[in-house]
C-alpha atoms as a PDB file:
ATOM      1  CA  MET A   1      16.088  -3.037 -27.289  1.00  0.00           C
ATOM      2  CA  PHE A   2      13.004  -0.986 -28.081  1.00  0.00           C
ATOM      3  CA  ILE A   3      10.563  -0.149 -25.281  1.00  0.00           C
ATOM      4  CA  GLU A   4       7.064   0.981 -26.225  1.00  0.00           C
ATOM      5  CA  ASN A   5       5.799   4.215 -24.648  1.00  0.00           C
ATOM      6  CA  ASN A   6       2.710   2.463 -23.275  1.00  0.00           C
ATOM      7  CA  LYS A   7       4.712  -0.216 -21.404  1.00  0.00           C
ATOM      8  CA  GLU A   8       3.837  -0.052 -17.712  1.00  0.00           C
ATOM      9  CA  LEU A   9       6.783   0.081 -15.317  1.00  0.00           C
ATOM     10  CA  SER A  10       6.817  -0.661 -11.601  1.00  0.00           C
ATOM     11  CA  ILE A  11       8.378   1.865  -9.238  1.00  0.00           C
ATOM     12  CA  PRO A  12      11.622  -0.163  -8.939  1.00  0.00           C
ATOM     13  CA  GLU A  13      11.818  -0.223 -12.754  1.00  0.00           C
ATOM     14  CA  VAL A  14      11.195   3.545 -12.893  1.00  0.00           C
ATOM     15  CA  ALA A  15      13.957   4.037 -10.317  1.00  0.00           C
ATOM     16  CA  LYS A  16      16.327   1.937 -12.411  1.00  0.00           C
ATOM     17  CA  VAL A  17      15.606   3.943 -15.581  1.00  0.00           C
ATOM     18  CA  LEU A  18      16.090   7.239 -13.720  1.00  0.00           C
ATOM     19  CA  GLU A  19      19.089   5.869 -11.791  1.00  0.00           C
ATOM     20  CA  VAL A  20      17.573   6.966  -8.471  1.00  0.00           C
ATOM     21  CA  ASP A  21      16.506   5.312  -5.235  1.00  0.00           C
ATOM     22  CA  ASN A  22      13.070   3.637  -5.062  1.00  0.00           C
ATOM     23  CA  THR A  23      11.980   6.122  -2.386  1.00  0.00           C
ATOM     24  CA  TYR A  24      12.726   9.042  -4.715  1.00  0.00           C
ATOM     25  CA  ALA A  25      10.709   7.397  -7.507  1.00  0.00           C
ATOM     26  CA  TYR A  26       7.778   6.986  -5.079  1.00  0.00           C
ATOM     27  CA  ARG A  27       8.154  10.665  -4.113  1.00  0.00           C
ATOM     28  CA  LEU A  28       7.922  11.698  -7.785  1.00  0.00           C
ATOM     29  CA  VAL A  29       4.545   9.942  -7.973  1.00  0.00           C
ATOM     30  CA  ARG A  30       3.310  11.336  -4.622  1.00  0.00           C
ATOM     31  CA  ASP A  31       4.380  14.865  -5.631  1.00  0.00           C
ATOM     32  CA  GLU A  32       2.504  14.397  -8.941  1.00  0.00           C
ATOM     33  CA  ARG A  33       5.639  14.842 -11.022  1.00  0.00           C
ATOM     34  CA  LEU A  34       4.975  11.398 -12.544  1.00  0.00           C
ATOM     35  CA  ALA A  35       1.399  10.338 -13.286  1.00  0.00           C
ATOM     36  CA  PRO A  36       0.690   6.688 -12.479  1.00  0.00           C
ATOM     37  CA  VAL A  37      -1.667   4.621 -14.657  1.00  0.00           C
ATOM     38  CA  SER A  38      -2.493   2.382 -11.689  1.00  0.00           C
ATOM     39  CA  VAL A  39      -2.217   2.927  -7.963  1.00  0.00           C
ATOM     40  CA  ASN A  40      -2.096  -0.477  -6.303  1.00  0.00           C
ATOM     41  CA  PRO A  41       0.635  -1.273  -7.156  1.00  0.00           C
ATOM     42  CA  TYR A  42       1.921   1.950  -8.672  1.00  0.00           C
ATOM     43  CA  LYS A  43       2.613   1.640 -12.397  1.00  0.00           C
ATOM     44  CA  VAL A  44       3.943   4.417 -14.634  1.00  0.00           C
ATOM     45  CA  THR A  45       4.196   4.250 -18.415  1.00  0.00           C
ATOM     46  CA  PHE A  46       7.600   4.378 -20.040  1.00  0.00           C
ATOM     47  CA  GLY A  47       6.355   7.342 -22.086  1.00  0.00           C
ATOM     48  CA  GLU A  48       5.647   9.261 -18.864  1.00  0.00           C
ATOM     49  CA  VAL A  49       9.154   8.531 -17.572  1.00  0.00           C
ATOM     50  CA  LYS A  50      10.692   9.563 -20.904  1.00  0.00           C
ATOM     51  CA  HIS A  51       8.639  12.778 -20.871  1.00  0.00           C
ATOM     52  CA  PHE A  52       9.864  13.481 -17.307  1.00  0.00           C
ATOM     53  CA  ILE A  53      13.463  13.085 -18.481  1.00  0.00           C
ATOM     54  CA  ASP A  54      12.980  15.149 -21.663  1.00  0.00           C
ATOM     55  CA  GLU A  55      11.427  18.038 -19.697  1.00  0.00           C
ATOM     56  CA  ARG A  56      14.603  18.345 -17.627  1.00  0.00           C
ATOM     57  CA  LEU A  57      17.106  18.311 -20.485  1.00  0.00           C
ATOM     58  CA  PRO A  58      18.480  21.499 -22.045  1.00  0.00           C
ATOM     59  CA  THR A  59      16.908  22.629 -25.326  1.00  0.00           C
ATOM     60  CA  GLY A  60      18.215  20.626 -28.257  1.00  0.00           C
ATOM     61  CA  PHE A  61      19.054  17.537 -26.202  1.00  0.00           C
ATOM     62  CA  LYS A  62      17.154  14.266 -26.572  1.00  0.00           C
ATOM     63  CA  SER A  63      16.996  11.328 -24.184  1.00  0.00           C
ATOM     64  CA  ILE A  64      17.990   7.895 -25.383  1.00  0.00           C
ATOM     65  CA  TYR A  65      17.343   4.895 -23.159  1.00  0.00           C
ATOM     66  CA  GLN A  66      19.461   1.836 -23.724  1.00  0.00           C
ATOM     67  CA  ALA A  67      18.632  -1.446 -21.969  1.00  0.00           C
ATOM     68  CA  PHE A  68      21.544  -3.572 -20.814  1.00  0.00           C
END
């Protein structure tokens, strides 16, 4: 399944992609580590989430998201 970078994800969807708790995903937005495209409700683009993941990987590694 291909997900476009501009697809807007809810916080529970972001948490699922990152495999973290919803509260941690909300904290990432509050701490400005993820930039939301809308605030009520919070929505984050898939591209922003992918960028967040890629910034934390060692050099030479690439993230690949696979939907189940």
